[in-house]
PDB file of N, CA and C in Angstrom:
ATOM      1  N   MET A   1     161.572  73.460  -2.576  1.00  0.00           N
ATOM      2  CA  MET A   1     160.923  75.244  -3.332  1.00  0.00           C
ATOM      3  C   MET A   1     159.383  74.609  -3.750  1.00  0.00           C
ATOM      4  N   ALA A   2     158.496  75.088  -3.279  1.00  0.00           N
ATOM      5  CA  ALA A   2     157.110  74.698  -4.125  1.00  0.00           C
ATOM      6  C   ALA A   2     157.040  75.162  -5.571  1.00  0.00           C
ATOM      7  N   GLY A   3     155.948  74.964  -5.944  1.00  0.00           N
ATOM      8  CA  GLY A   3     156.018  75.229  -7.315  1.00  0.00           C
ATOM      9  C   GLY A   3     154.827  76.570  -7.425  1.00  0.00           C
ATOM     10  N   LEU A   4     154.695  77.057  -8.535  1.00  0.00           N
ATOM     11  CA  LEU A   4     153.755  78.007  -8.568  1.00  0.00           C
ATOM     12  C   LEU A   4     152.096  77.703  -8.679  1.00  0.00           C
ATOM     13  N   THR A   5     151.590  78.064  -7.662  1.00  0.00           N
ATOM     14  CA  THR A   5     149.785  77.719  -7.260  1.00  0.00           C
ATOM     15  C   THR A   5     149.561  79.224  -7.572  1.00  0.00           C
ATOM     16  N   ALA A   6     147.887  79.504  -7.631  1.00  0.00           N
ATOM     17  CA  ALA A   6     147.171  80.445  -7.812  1.00  0.00           C
ATOM     18  C   ALA A   6     147.421  81.941  -6.441  1.00  0.00           C
ATOM     19  N   GLU A   7     148.250  80.793  -5.328  1.00  0.00           N
ATOM     20  CA  GLU A   7     148.314  81.501  -3.830  1.00  0.00           C
ATOM     21  C   GLU A   7     149.658  81.878  -4.077  1.00  0.00           C
ATOM     22  N   THR A   8     150.467  81.911  -4.933  1.00  0.00           N
ATOM     23  CA  THR A   8     151.545  81.952  -4.782  1.00  0.00           C
ATOM     24  C   THR A   8     151.611  83.834  -5.105  1.00  0.00           C
ATOM     25  N   PRO A   9     152.226  84.577  -4.630  1.00  0.00           N
ATOM     26  CA  PRO A   9     152.261  86.024  -4.491  1.00  0.00           C
ATOM     27  C   PRO A   9     153.614  86.276  -5.772  1.00  0.00           C
ATOM     28  N   HIS A  10     152.674  86.996  -6.941  1.00  0.00           N
ATOM     29  CA  HIS A  10     153.652  87.456  -7.962  1.00  0.00           C
ATOM     30  C   HIS A  10     153.893  88.718  -7.739  1.00  0.00           C
ATOM     31  N   PRO A  11     155.135  89.252  -8.223  1.00  0.00           N
ATOM     32  CA  PRO A  11     155.912  90.394  -8.028  1.00  0.00           C
ATOM     33  C   PRO A  11     155.329  91.223  -9.240  1.00  0.00           C
ATOM     34  N   THR A  12     155.443  92.281  -8.911  1.00  0.00           N
ATOM     35  CA  THR A  12     154.951  93.994  -9.971  1.00  0.00           C
ATOM     36  C   THR A  12     155.723  94.406 -10.446  1.00  0.00           C
ATOM     37  N   ALA A  13     157.059  94.837  -9.353  1.00  0.00           N
ATOM     38  CA  ALA A  13     158.305  95.511  -9.587  1.00  0.00           C
ATOM     39  C   ALA A  13     159.586  94.713  -8.751  1.00  0.00           C
ATOM     40  N   VAL A  14     160.596  94.780  -9.406  1.00  0.00           N
ATOM     41  CA  VAL A  14     161.753  94.493  -8.565  1.00  0.00           C
ATOM     42  C   VAL A  14     163.070  95.227  -8.958  1.00  0.00           C
ATOM     43  N   THR A  15     163.428  96.357  -8.111  1.00  0.00           N
ATOM     44  CA  THR A  15     164.587  97.219  -7.863  1.00  0.00           C
ATOM     45  C   THR A  15     165.259  96.790  -6.718  1.00  0.00           C
ATOM     46  N   LEU A  16     166.699  96.766  -7.597  1.00  0.00           N
ATOM     47  CA  LEU A  16     167.789  96.776  -6.741  1.00  0.00           C
ATOM     48  C   LEU A  16     168.545  97.802  -6.643  1.00  0.00           C
ATOM     49  N   HIS A  17     168.641  98.922  -5.258  1.00  0.00           N
ATOM     50  CA  HIS A  17     169.276  99.817  -5.267  1.00  0.00           C
ATOM     51  C   HIS A  17     170.562  99.366  -4.572  1.00  0.00           C
ATOM     52  N   GLN A  18     171.579  99.598  -5.394  1.00  0.00           N
ATOM     53  CA  GLN A  18     173.011  99.205  -4.716  1.00  0.00           C
ATOM     54  C   GLN A  18     173.525 100.098  -3.704  1.00  0.00           C
ATOM     55  N   ALA A  19     173.442 101.440  -3.988  1.00  0.00           N
ATOM     56  CA  ALA A  19     174.226 102.621  -3.581  1.00  0.00           C
ATOM     57  C   ALA A  19     173.390 102.229  -1.383  1.00  0.00           C
ATOM     58  N   SER A  20     172.268 102.212  -1.420  1.00  0.00           N
ATOM     59  CA  SER A  20     171.626 101.633  -0.019  1.00  0.00           C
ATOM     60  C   SER A  20     171.713 100.175   0.263  1.00  0.00           C
ATOM     61  N   ARG A  21     172.227  99.276  -0.866  1.00  0.00           N
ATOM     62  CA  ARG A  21     172.259  97.788  -0.516  1.00  0.00           C
ATOM     63  C   ARG A  21     170.811  97.012  -0.082  1.00  0.00           C
ATOM     64  N   LEU A  22     169.589  97.488  -0.884  1.00  0.00           N
ATOM     65  CA  LEU A  22     168.645  97.162  -0.482  1.00  0.00           C
ATOM     66  C   LEU A  22     167.693  97.040  -2.105  1.00  0.00           C
ATOM     67  N   LEU A  23     167.130  95.638  -1.880  1.00  0.00           N
ATOM     68  CA  LEU A  23     166.083  95.033  -2.904  1.00  0.00           C
ATOM     69  C   LEU A  23     164.972  95.315  -2.472  1.00  0.00           C
ATOM     70  N   GLU A  24     164.406  96.230  -3.653  1.00  0.00           N
ATOM     71  CA  GLU A  24     162.775  96.137  -3.317  1.00  0.00           C
ATOM     72  C   GLU A  24     162.026  95.530  -3.899  1.00  0.00           C
ATOM     73  N   ILE A  25     161.106  95.264  -3.540  1.00  0.00           N
ATOM     74  CA  ILE A  25     160.001  94.085  -4.295  1.00  0.00           C
ATOM     75  C   ILE A  25     158.726  94.304  -4.062  1.00  0.00           C
ATOM     76  N   ALA A  26     157.990  94.265  -5.002  1.00  0.00           N
ATOM     77  CA  ALA A  26     156.242  94.739  -4.753  1.00  0.00           C
ATOM     78  C   ALA A  26     155.413  93.958  -5.175  1.00  0.00           C
ATOM     79  N   PHE A  27     154.585  93.254  -4.692  1.00  0.00           N
ATOM     80  CA  PHE A  27     153.636  91.626  -5.054  1.00  0.00           C
ATOM     81  C   PHE A  27     152.609  92.700  -5.550  1.00  0.00           C
ATOM     82  N   ALA A  28     151.793  91.776  -6.237  1.00  0.00           N
ATOM     83  CA  ALA A  28     150.552  91.948  -7.109  1.00  0.00           C
ATOM     84  C   ALA A  28     149.497  92.456  -5.555  1.00  0.00           C
ATOM     85  N   ASP A  29     149.743  91.831  -4.634  1.00  0.00           N
ATOM     86  CA  ASP A  29     148.461  91.847  -3.633  1.00  0.00           C
ATOM     87  C   ASP A  29     148.450  93.328  -3.044  1.00  0.00           C
ATOM     88  N   GLY A  30     149.868  94.296  -3.267  1.00  0.00           N
ATOM     89  CA  GLY A  30     149.832  95.311  -3.005  1.00  0.00           C
ATOM     90  C   GLY A  30     151.414  95.582  -1.369  1.00  0.00           C
ATOM     91  N   ALA A  31     151.519  94.105  -1.204  1.00  0.00           N
ATOM     92  CA  ALA A  31     152.290  94.284  -0.273  1.00  0.00           C
ATOM     93  C   ALA A  31     154.189  94.619  -0.924  1.00  0.00           C
ATOM     94  N   SER A  32     155.189  95.612  -0.145  1.00  0.00           N
ATOM     95  CA  SER A  32     155.977  96.039  -0.743  1.00  0.00           C
ATOM     96  C   SER A  32     157.370  95.972   0.010  1.00  0.00           C
ATOM     97  N   TYR A  33     158.426  95.515  -0.154  1.00  0.00           N
ATOM     98  CA  TYR A  33     159.212  95.243   1.015  1.00  0.00           C
ATOM     99  C   TYR A  33     160.565  95.828   0.031  1.00  0.00           C
ATOM    100  N   GLN A  34     161.176  96.410   1.333  1.00  0.00           N
ATOM    101  CA  GLN A  34     162.777  96.720   1.141  1.00  0.00           C
ATOM    102  C   GLN A  34     163.929  95.666   1.882  1.00  0.00           C
ATOM    103  N   LEU A  35     164.304  94.597   1.113  1.00  0.00           N
ATOM    104  CA  LEU A  35     164.835  93.756   1.854  1.00  0.00           C
ATOM    105  C   LEU A  35     166.492  94.071   1.922  1.00  0.00           C
ATOM    106  N   PRO A  36     167.210  94.368   3.010  1.00  0.00           N
ATOM    107  CA  PRO A  36     168.954  94.491   3.050  1.00  0.00           C
ATOM    108  C   PRO A  36     169.807  93.457   2.444  1.00  0.00           C
ATOM    109  N   CYS A  37     170.382  93.660   1.630  1.00  0.00           N
ATOM    110  CA  CYS A  37     171.394  92.468   0.709  1.00  0.00           C
ATOM    111  C   CYS A  37     171.555  91.647   1.936  1.00  0.00           C
ATOM    112  N   GLU A  38     172.282  92.475   3.066  1.00  0.00           N
ATOM    113  CA  GLU A  38     172.666  91.570   3.897  1.00  0.00           C
ATOM    114  C   GLU A  38     171.811  90.208   4.333  1.00  0.00           C
ATOM    115  N   TYR A  39     170.352  90.950   4.717  1.00  0.00           N
ATOM    116  CA  TYR A  39     169.596  90.069   5.442  1.00  0.00           C
ATOM    117  C   TYR A  39     169.204  88.794   4.098  1.00  0.00           C
ATOM    118  N   LEU A  40     169.405  89.168   2.850  1.00  0.00           N
ATOM    119  CA  LEU A  40     168.797  88.413   1.908  1.00  0.00           C
ATOM    120  C   LEU A  40     170.082  87.399   1.473  1.00  0.00           C
ATOM    121  N   ARG A  41     171.486  87.474   1.770  1.00  0.00           N
ATOM    122  CA  ARG A  41     172.600  86.730   1.789  1.00  0.00           C
ATOM    123  C   ARG A  41     172.902  85.819   2.839  1.00  0.00           C
ATOM    124  N   VAL A  42     172.498  86.000   3.881  1.00  0.00           N
ATOM    125  CA  VAL A  42     172.559  84.869   5.316  1.00  0.00           C
ATOM    126  C   VAL A  42     171.514  84.113   5.448  1.00  0.00           C
ATOM    127  N   LEU A  43     170.164  84.671   4.811  1.00  0.00           N
ATOM    128  CA  LEU A  43     168.980  83.400   4.929  1.00  0.00           C
ATOM    129  C   LEU A  43     168.962  83.330   3.540  1.00  0.00           C
ATOM    130  N   SER A  44     170.001  83.159   2.471  1.00  0.00           N
ATOM    131  CA  SER A  44     170.172  82.559   1.404  1.00  0.00           C
ATOM    132  C   SER A  44     169.266  81.357   1.129  1.00  0.00           C
ATOM    133  N   PRO A  45     168.378  81.026   0.280  1.00  0.00           N
ATOM    134  CA  PRO A  45     168.142  79.460   0.161  1.00  0.00           C
ATOM    135  C   PRO A  45     168.957  78.229  -0.411  1.00  0.00           C
ATOM    136  N   SER A  46     170.189  78.530  -0.070  1.00  0.00           N
ATOM    137  CA  SER A  46     171.280  77.911  -0.746  1.00  0.00           C
ATOM    138  C   SER A  46     171.901  76.549   0.067  1.00  0.00           C
ATOM    139  N   ALA A  47     172.266  75.685  -0.720  1.00  0.00           N
ATOM    140  CA  ALA A  47     172.798  74.370   0.570  1.00  0.00           C
ATOM    141  C   ALA A  47     173.744  75.130   0.898  1.00  0.00           C
ATOM    142  N   GLU A  48     174.506  76.199   0.424  1.00  0.00           N
ATOM    143  CA  GLU A  48     175.668  76.553   1.214  1.00  0.00           C
ATOM    144  C   GLU A  48     175.285  77.140   2.739  1.00  0.00           C
ATOM    145  N   VAL A  49     174.019  77.690   2.875  1.00  0.00           N
ATOM    146  CA  VAL A  49     173.411  78.566   4.066  1.00  0.00           C
ATOM    147  C   VAL A  49     172.620  77.423   4.842  1.00  0.00           C
ATOM    148  N   ARG A  50     171.702  76.724   4.172  1.00  0.00           N
ATOM    149  CA  ARG A  50     170.613  75.834   4.868  1.00  0.00           C
ATOM    150  C   ARG A  50     171.356  74.503   5.013  1.00  0.00           C
ATOM    151  N   GLY A  51     172.459  74.211   4.080  1.00  0.00           N
ATOM    152  CA  GLY A  51     173.333  72.667   4.826  1.00  0.00           C
ATOM    153  C   GLY A  51     172.336  71.676   3.285  1.00  0.00           C
ATOM    154  N   HIS A  52     172.777  70.553   4.068  1.00  0.00           N
ATOM    155  CA  HIS A  52     171.540  69.292   3.493  1.00  0.00           C
ATOM    156  C   HIS A  52     170.889  68.761   4.625  1.00  0.00           C
ATOM    157  N   GLY A  53     170.216  69.494   5.002  1.00  0.00           N
ATOM    158  CA  GLY A  53     169.022  68.716   6.248  1.00  0.00           C
ATOM    159  C   GLY A  53     169.181  69.766   7.456  1.00  0.00           C
ATOM    160  N   VAL A  54     167.893  69.071   7.968  1.00  0.00           N
ATOM    161  CA  VAL A  54     167.721  70.091   9.507  1.00  0.00           C
ATOM    162  C   VAL A  54     168.718  70.155  10.007  1.00  0.00           C
ATOM    163  N   GLY A  55     169.376  70.981  10.510  1.00  0.00           N
ATOM    164  CA  GLY A  55     170.861  70.929  11.673  1.00  0.00           C
ATOM    165  C   GLY A  55     172.051  71.156  11.021  1.00  0.00           C
ATOM    166  N   ASN A  56     172.007  71.085   9.921  1.00  0.00           N
ATOM    167  CA  ASN A  56     173.095  71.360   9.207  1.00  0.00           C
ATOM    168  C   ASN A  56     173.306  72.924   8.462  1.00  0.00           C
ATOM    169  N   GLU A  57     172.755  73.845   8.867  1.00  0.00           N
ATOM    170  CA  GLU A  57     172.498  75.106   8.799  1.00  0.00           C
ATOM    171  C   GLU A  57     173.973  75.910   8.738  1.00  0.00           C
ATOM    172  N   VAL A  58     174.611  76.803   7.946  1.00  0.00           N
ATOM    173  CA  VAL A  58     175.958  77.273   8.040  1.00  0.00           C
ATOM    174  C   VAL A  58     175.580  78.560   8.482  1.00  0.00           C
ATOM    175  N   LEU A  59     175.889  79.198  10.023  1.00  0.00           N
ATOM    176  CA  LEU A  59     175.859  80.658  10.173  1.00  0.00           C
ATOM    177  C   LEU A  59     176.712  81.817   9.247  1.00  0.00           C
ATOM    178  N   GLN A  60     175.792  82.287   8.746  1.00  0.00           N
ATOM    179  CA  GLN A  60     177.061  83.392   7.877  1.00  0.00           C
ATOM    180  C   GLN A  60     177.691  84.380   8.786  1.00  0.00           C
ATOM    181  N   VAL A  61     178.357  84.564   8.539  1.00  0.00           N
ATOM    182  CA  VAL A  61     179.455  85.809   9.517  1.00  0.00           C
ATOM    183  C   VAL A  61     179.907  86.716   8.278  1.00  0.00           C
ATOM    184  N   GLY A  62     179.940  88.010   8.795  1.00  0.00           N
ATOM    185  CA  GLY A  62     180.595  89.174   8.259  1.00  0.00           C
ATOM    186  C   GLY A  62     180.263  89.513   7.000  1.00  0.00           C
ATOM    187  N   LYS A  63     178.735  89.753   7.096  1.00  0.00           N
ATOM    188  CA  LYS A  63     178.180  89.897   5.878  1.00  0.00           C
ATOM    189  C   LYS A  63     177.428  91.370   5.868  1.00  0.00           C
ATOM    190  N   ILE A  64     178.048  92.329   6.729  1.00  0.00           N
ATOM    191  CA  ILE A  64     177.393  93.422   6.814  1.00  0.00           C
ATOM    192  C   ILE A  64     177.209  94.330   5.631  1.00  0.00           C
ATOM    193  N   ASN A  65     178.676  93.971   4.798  1.00  0.00           N
ATOM    194  CA  ASN A  65     178.774  95.031   3.754  1.00  0.00           C
ATOM    195  C   ASN A  65     178.627  94.919   2.506  1.00  0.00           C
ATOM    196  N   VAL A  66     177.780  93.366   2.852  1.00  0.00           N
ATOM    197  CA  VAL A  66     177.541  92.700   0.904  1.00  0.00           C
ATOM    198  C   VAL A  66     176.938  93.105   0.485  1.00  0.00           C
ATOM    199  N   ASN A  67     177.044  93.441  -1.034  1.00  0.00           N
ATOM    200  CA  ASN A  67     176.160  94.092  -1.750  1.00  0.00           C
ATOM    201  C   ASN A  67     175.794  92.884  -3.199  1.00  0.00           C
ATOM    202  N   ILE A  68     174.569  93.273  -4.106  1.00  0.00           N
ATOM    203  CA  ILE A  68     173.935  92.281  -4.822  1.00  0.00           C
ATOM    204  C   ILE A  68     174.640  93.272  -5.943  1.00  0.00           C
ATOM    205  N   LYS A  69     175.100  92.134  -6.825  1.00  0.00           N
ATOM    206  CA  LYS A  69     175.750  92.602  -8.226  1.00  0.00           C
ATOM    207  C   LYS A  69     174.562  92.595  -9.514  1.00  0.00           C
ATOM    208  N   ALA A  70     173.839  91.656  -9.381  1.00  0.00           N
ATOM    209  CA  ALA A  70     173.184  91.208 -10.650  1.00  0.00           C
ATOM    210  C   ALA A  70     171.845  90.740  -9.813  1.00  0.00           C
ATOM    211  N   VAL A  71     170.696  90.749 -10.722  1.00  0.00           N
ATOM    212  CA  VAL A  71     169.656  89.868 -10.655  1.00  0.00           C
ATOM    213  C   VAL A  71     169.077  89.423 -11.467  1.00  0.00           C
ATOM    214  N   GLU A  72     168.911  88.129 -11.499  1.00  0.00           N
ATOM    215  CA  GLU A  72     168.649  87.195 -12.770  1.00  0.00           C
ATOM    216  C   GLU A  72     167.591  86.617 -12.378  1.00  0.00           C
ATOM    217  N   PRO A  73     166.262  87.022 -13.480  1.00  0.00           N
ATOM    218  CA  PRO A  73     164.964  85.971 -13.427  1.00  0.00           C
ATOM    219  C   PRO A  73     165.520  84.674 -13.745  1.00  0.00           C
ATOM    220  N   VAL A  74     164.530  83.823 -12.989  1.00  0.00           N
ATOM    221  CA  VAL A  74     164.480  82.375 -13.588  1.00  0.00           C
ATOM    222  C   VAL A  74     163.197  81.851 -13.644  1.00  0.00           C
ATOM    223  N   GLY A  75     163.072  81.495 -14.685  1.00  0.00           N
ATOM    224  CA  GLY A  75     161.551  81.374 -15.554  1.00  0.00           C
ATOM    225  C   GLY A  75     160.583  82.393 -14.826  1.00  0.00           C
ATOM    226  N   HIS A  76     159.516  81.892 -14.643  1.00  0.00           N
ATOM    227  CA  HIS A  76     158.678  82.911 -13.964  1.00  0.00           C
ATOM    228  C   HIS A  76     158.456  82.445 -12.727  1.00  0.00           C
ATOM    229  N   TYR A  77     159.325  82.156 -11.755  1.00  0.00           N
ATOM    230  CA  TYR A  77     158.928  81.839 -10.457  1.00  0.00           C
ATOM    231  C   TYR A  77     159.927  81.982  -9.628  1.00  0.00           C
ATOM    232  N   ALA A  78     161.671  82.682  -9.971  1.00  0.00           N
ATOM    233  CA  ALA A  78     162.408  83.116  -8.919  1.00  0.00           C
ATOM    234  C   ALA A  78     163.126  84.219  -9.410  1.00  0.00           C
ATOM    235  N   LEU A  79     164.396  84.558  -8.928  1.00  0.00           N
ATOM    236  CA  LEU A  79     165.285  85.547  -8.793  1.00  0.00           C
ATOM    237  C   LEU A  79     166.728  84.551  -8.898  1.00  0.00           C
ATOM    238  N   LYS A  80     167.948  84.773  -9.444  1.00  0.00           N
ATOM    239  CA  LYS A  80     169.092  84.391  -8.737  1.00  0.00           C
ATOM    240  C   LYS A  80     169.668  85.378  -8.513  1.00  0.00           C
ATOM    241  N   LEU A  81     170.285  85.811  -7.063  1.00  0.00           N
ATOM    242  CA  LEU A  81     170.823  87.092  -6.659  1.00  0.00           C
ATOM    243  C   LEU A  81     172.299  86.447  -6.822  1.00  0.00           C
ATOM    244  N   VAL A  82     173.003  87.311  -7.526  1.00  0.00           N
ATOM    245  CA  VAL A  82     174.498  87.344  -7.773  1.00  0.00           C
ATOM    246  C   VAL A  82     175.233  88.130  -6.563  1.00  0.00           C
ATOM    247  N   PHE A  83     175.640  87.633  -5.333  1.00  0.00           N
ATOM    248  CA  PHE A  83     176.252  88.650  -4.518  1.00  0.00           C
ATOM    249  C   PHE A  83     177.974  89.181  -4.851  1.00  0.00           C
ATOM    250  N   ASP A  84     178.359  90.089  -3.965  1.00  0.00           N
ATOM    251  CA  ASP A  84     179.645  90.695  -4.462  1.00  0.00           C
ATOM    252  C   ASP A  84     180.843  89.656  -3.674  1.00  0.00           C
ATOM    253  N   ASP A  85     180.104  88.944  -2.815  1.00  0.00           N
ATOM    254  CA  ASP A  85     181.137  87.789  -2.173  1.00  0.00           C
ATOM    255  C   ASP A  85     181.265  86.343  -3.090  1.00  0.00           C
ATOM    256  N   GLY A  86     180.647  86.606  -4.378  1.00  0.00           N
ATOM    257  CA  GLY A  86     180.897  84.920  -4.747  1.00  0.00           C
ATOM    258  C   GLY A  86     179.594  84.589  -4.713  1.00  0.00           C
ATOM    259  N   HIS A  87     178.992  84.731  -3.760  1.00  0.00           N
ATOM    260  CA  HIS A  87     177.464  83.973  -3.580  1.00  0.00           C
ATOM    261  C   HIS A  87     176.946  83.946  -4.663  1.00  0.00           C
ATOM    262  N   ASP A  88     176.208  82.633  -5.340  1.00  0.00           N
ATOM    263  CA  ASP A  88     175.358  82.991  -6.325  1.00  0.00           C
ATOM    264  C   ASP A  88     174.671  81.784  -6.418  1.00  0.00           C
ATOM    265  N   SER A  89     174.298  80.805  -5.496  1.00  0.00           N
ATOM    266  CA  SER A  89     173.811  79.886  -5.792  1.00  0.00           C
ATOM    267  C   SER A  89     172.323  79.287  -5.263  1.00  0.00           C
ATOM    268  N   GLY A  90     172.156  80.648  -4.567  1.00  0.00           N
ATOM    269  CA  GLY A  90     170.364  80.119  -4.084  1.00  0.00           C
ATOM    270  C   GLY A  90     169.577  81.142  -5.424  1.00  0.00           C
ATOM    271  N   LEU A  91     168.422  80.097  -5.015  1.00  0.00           N
ATOM    272  CA  LEU A  91     167.159  80.440  -5.748  1.00  0.00           C
ATOM    273  C   LEU A  91     166.185  81.024  -5.182  1.00  0.00           C
ATOM    274  N   PHE A  92     165.715  82.312  -5.013  1.00  0.00           N
ATOM    275  CA  PHE A  92     164.761  83.362  -4.144  1.00  0.00           C
ATOM    276  C   PHE A  92     163.484  82.912  -4.873  1.00  0.00           C
ATOM    277  N   SER A  93     162.560  82.274  -4.607  1.00  0.00           N
ATOM    278  CA  SER A  93     161.205  81.908  -5.045  1.00  0.00           C
ATOM    279  C   SER A  93     160.342  83.069  -5.042  1.00  0.00           C
ATOM    280  N   TRP A  94     159.381  83.340  -5.734  1.00  0.00           N
ATOM    281  CA  TRP A  94     158.492  84.695  -5.464  1.00  0.00           C
ATOM    282  C   TRP A  94     157.634  84.387  -3.759  1.00  0.00           C
ATOM    283  N   GLN A  95     157.364  83.232  -3.805  1.00  0.00           N
ATOM    284  CA  GLN A  95     156.951  82.667  -2.433  1.00  0.00           C
ATOM    285  C   GLN A  95     157.772  83.136  -1.198  1.00  0.00           C
ATOM    286  N   TYR A  96     159.266  82.695  -1.234  1.00  0.00           N
ATOM    287  CA  TYR A  96     160.135  83.005  -0.291  1.00  0.00           C
ATOM    288  C   TYR A  96     160.510  84.464   0.050  1.00  0.00           C
ATOM    289  N   LEU A  97     160.756  84.705  -1.385  1.00  0.00           N
ATOM    290  CA  LEU A  97     161.104  86.645  -1.124  1.00  0.00           C
ATOM    291  C   LEU A  97     159.813  87.371  -0.856  1.00  0.00           C
ATOM    292  N   TYR A  98     158.882  86.779  -0.669  1.00  0.00           N
ATOM    293  CA  TYR A  98     157.463  86.983   0.494  1.00  0.00           C
ATOM    294  C   TYR A  98     157.308  86.709   1.602  1.00  0.00           C
ATOM    295  N   GLU A  99     157.904  85.735   1.823  1.00  0.00           N
ATOM    296  CA  GLU A  99     157.542  85.482   3.089  1.00  0.00           C
ATOM    297  C   GLU A  99     158.922  86.017   3.871  1.00  0.00           C
ATOM    298  N   LEU A 100     160.490  86.187   3.448  1.00  0.00           N
ATOM    299  CA  LEU A 100     161.394  87.254   4.169  1.00  0.00           C
ATOM    300  C   LEU A 100     161.158  88.543   3.931  1.00  0.00           C
ATOM    301  N   GLY A 101     159.991  89.044   3.204  1.00  0.00           N
ATOM    302  CA  GLY A 101     159.738  90.292   3.392  1.00  0.00           C
ATOM    303  C   GLY A 101     158.480  90.327   4.593  1.00  0.00           C
ATOM    304  N   ALA A 102     157.718  89.310   4.482  1.00  0.00           N
ATOM    305  CA  ALA A 102     156.688  89.630   5.921  1.00  0.00           C
ATOM    306  C   ALA A 102     156.983  89.139   7.144  1.00  0.00           C
ATOM    307  N   ASN A 103     158.115  88.629   7.077  1.00  0.00           N
ATOM    308  CA  ASN A 103     158.965  87.962   8.536  1.00  0.00           C
ATOM    309  C   ASN A 103     159.784  88.989   8.985  1.00  0.00           C
ATOM    310  N   TYR A 104     160.338  90.188   7.945  1.00  0.00           N
ATOM    311  CA  TYR A 104     161.687  90.393   8.207  1.00  0.00           C
ATOM    312  C   TYR A 104     162.258  90.469   9.935  1.00  0.00           C
ATOM    313  N   GLU A 105     161.021  91.155  10.517  1.00  0.00           N
ATOM    314  CA  GLU A 105     161.702  91.964  12.129  1.00  0.00           C
ATOM    315  C   GLU A 105     162.124  89.731  12.686  1.00  0.00           C
ATOM    316  N   SER A 106     161.152  89.183  12.674  1.00  0.00           N
ATOM    317  CA  SER A 106     161.368  87.998  13.157  1.00  0.00           C
ATOM    318  C   SER A 106     162.591  87.632  12.711  1.00  0.00           C
ATOM    319  N   TYR A 107     162.717  87.218  11.474  1.00  0.00           N
ATOM    320  CA  TYR A 107     164.173  86.218  10.949  1.00  0.00           C
ATOM    321  C   TYR A 107     164.941  87.293  11.240  1.00  0.00           C
ATOM    322  N   TRP A 108     165.161  88.559  10.644  1.00  0.00           N
ATOM    323  CA  TRP A 108     166.192  89.242  11.577  1.00  0.00           C
ATOM    324  C   TRP A 108     166.718  89.063  12.561  1.00  0.00           C
ATOM    325  N   GLN A 109     165.591  89.108  13.687  1.00  0.00           N
ATOM    326  CA  GLN A 109     166.107  88.796  15.024  1.00  0.00           C
ATOM    327  C   GLN A 109     166.734  87.460  15.494  1.00  0.00           C
ATOM    328  N   LYS A 110     165.924  86.411  15.087  1.00  0.00           N
ATOM    329  CA  LYS A 110     166.711  85.523  15.032  1.00  0.00           C
ATOM    330  C   LYS A 110     168.176  84.847  14.668  1.00  0.00           C
ATOM    331  N   TYR A 111     168.118  85.973  13.703  1.00  0.00           N
ATOM    332  CA  TYR A 111     169.649  85.773  12.873  1.00  0.00           C
ATOM    333  C   TYR A 111     170.489  86.216  13.792  1.00  0.00           C
ATOM    334  N   LEU A 112     170.292  87.722  14.336  1.00  0.00           N
ATOM    335  CA  LEU A 112     171.055  88.421  15.239  1.00  0.00           C
ATOM    336  C   LEU A 112     171.242  87.499  16.390  1.00  0.00           C
ATOM    337  N   ASN A 113     169.902  86.646  17.200  1.00  0.00           N
ATOM    338  CA  ASN A 113     170.428  86.074  18.324  1.00  0.00           C
ATOM    339  C   ASN A 113     171.354  85.018  17.763  1.00  0.00           C
ATOM    340  N   GLU A 114     171.197  84.238  17.238  1.00  0.00           N
ATOM    341  CA  GLU A 114     172.257  83.199  16.363  1.00  0.00           C
ATOM    342  C   GLU A 114     173.617  83.586  16.493  1.00  0.00           C
ATOM    343  N   LEU A 115     173.872  84.822  15.703  1.00  0.00           N
ATOM    344  CA  LEU A 115     175.057  85.564  16.012  1.00  0.00           C
ATOM    345  C   LEU A 115     175.721  85.576  17.183  1.00  0.00           C
ATOM    346  N   ALA A 116     175.138  86.138  18.095  1.00  0.00           N
ATOM    347  CA  ALA A 116     175.310  86.492  19.287  1.00  0.00           C
ATOM    348  C   ALA A 116     175.636  84.947  20.293  1.00  0.00           C
ATOM    349  N   ALA A 117     174.481  84.631  20.225  1.00  0.00           N
ATOM    350  CA  ALA A 117     174.954  82.681  21.095  1.00  0.00           C
ATOM    351  C   ALA A 117     176.614  82.165  20.191  1.00  0.00           C
ATOM    352  N   ALA A 118     176.808  82.473  19.308  1.00  0.00           N
ATOM    353  CA  ALA A 118     177.986  81.761  18.731  1.00  0.00           C
ATOM    354  C   ALA A 118     179.130  82.655  18.894  1.00  0.00           C
ATOM    355  N   GLY A 119     178.723  83.945  19.344  1.00  0.00           N
ATOM    356  CA  GLY A 119     179.638  85.089  19.763  1.00  0.00           C
ATOM    357  C   GLY A 119     180.785  85.547  18.372  1.00  0.00           C
ATOM    358  N   ALA A 120     179.655  85.417  17.401  1.00  0.00           N
ATOM    359  CA  ALA A 120     180.190  85.728  16.050  1.00  0.00           C
ATOM    360  C   ALA A 120     179.957  87.367  15.690  1.00  0.00           C
ATOM    361  N   SER A 121     180.005  87.579  14.672  1.00  0.00           N
ATOM    362  CA  SER A 121     179.918  89.099  14.263  1.00  0.00           C
ATOM    363  C   SER A 121     179.438  89.322  12.734  1.00  0.00           C
ATOM    364  N   ARG A 122     178.378  90.442  12.775  1.00  0.00           N
ATOM    365  CA  ARG A 122     178.110  91.112  11.376  1.00  0.00           C
ATOM    366  C   ARG A 122     179.487  91.687  10.714  1.00  0.00           C
ATOM    367  N   GLU A 123     180.558  92.366  11.063  1.00  0.00           N
ATOM    368  CA  GLU A 123     181.431  92.774  10.589  1.00  0.00           C
ATOM    369  C   GLU A 123     182.903  91.865   9.923  1.00  0.00           C
ATOM    370  N   PRO A 124     183.184  91.903   8.497  1.00  0.00           N
ATOM    371  CA  PRO A 124     184.208  91.142   8.456  1.00  0.00           C
ATOM    372  C   PRO A 124     185.207  90.929   9.114  1.00  0.00           C
ATOM    373  N   LEU A 125     186.032  90.128   9.132  1.00  0.00           N
ATOM    374  CA  LEU A 125     187.208  89.457   9.799  1.00  0.00           C
ATOM    375  C   LEU A 125     188.399  90.544   9.714  1.00  0.00           C
TER     376      LEU A 125
END
């Protein structure tokens, strides 16, 4: 996780919409994103999801109904998202949240393609 630099986008507002399962985040450069809880969960920067190196990623399945229970600031550089399935180990840096928002369509499609290739589902078992 890269440290803060002058180029790191800084959030101006973070709002959790639990009813619609969205995390809304606005940045100082004017960018604003509504990121689904499921999207954030399956792309968590945690070792549980990313593995401990390239090729060790763990495909997250059955997360369509996941929600965020809590949003906790971590210093001045990240958020800890506490999901209702018990997952809470990923620290989402401002840079990573910005990247997730800016690349939502391509990252989400890649995830859907990986699910299809694995014969897996977004639906819980």
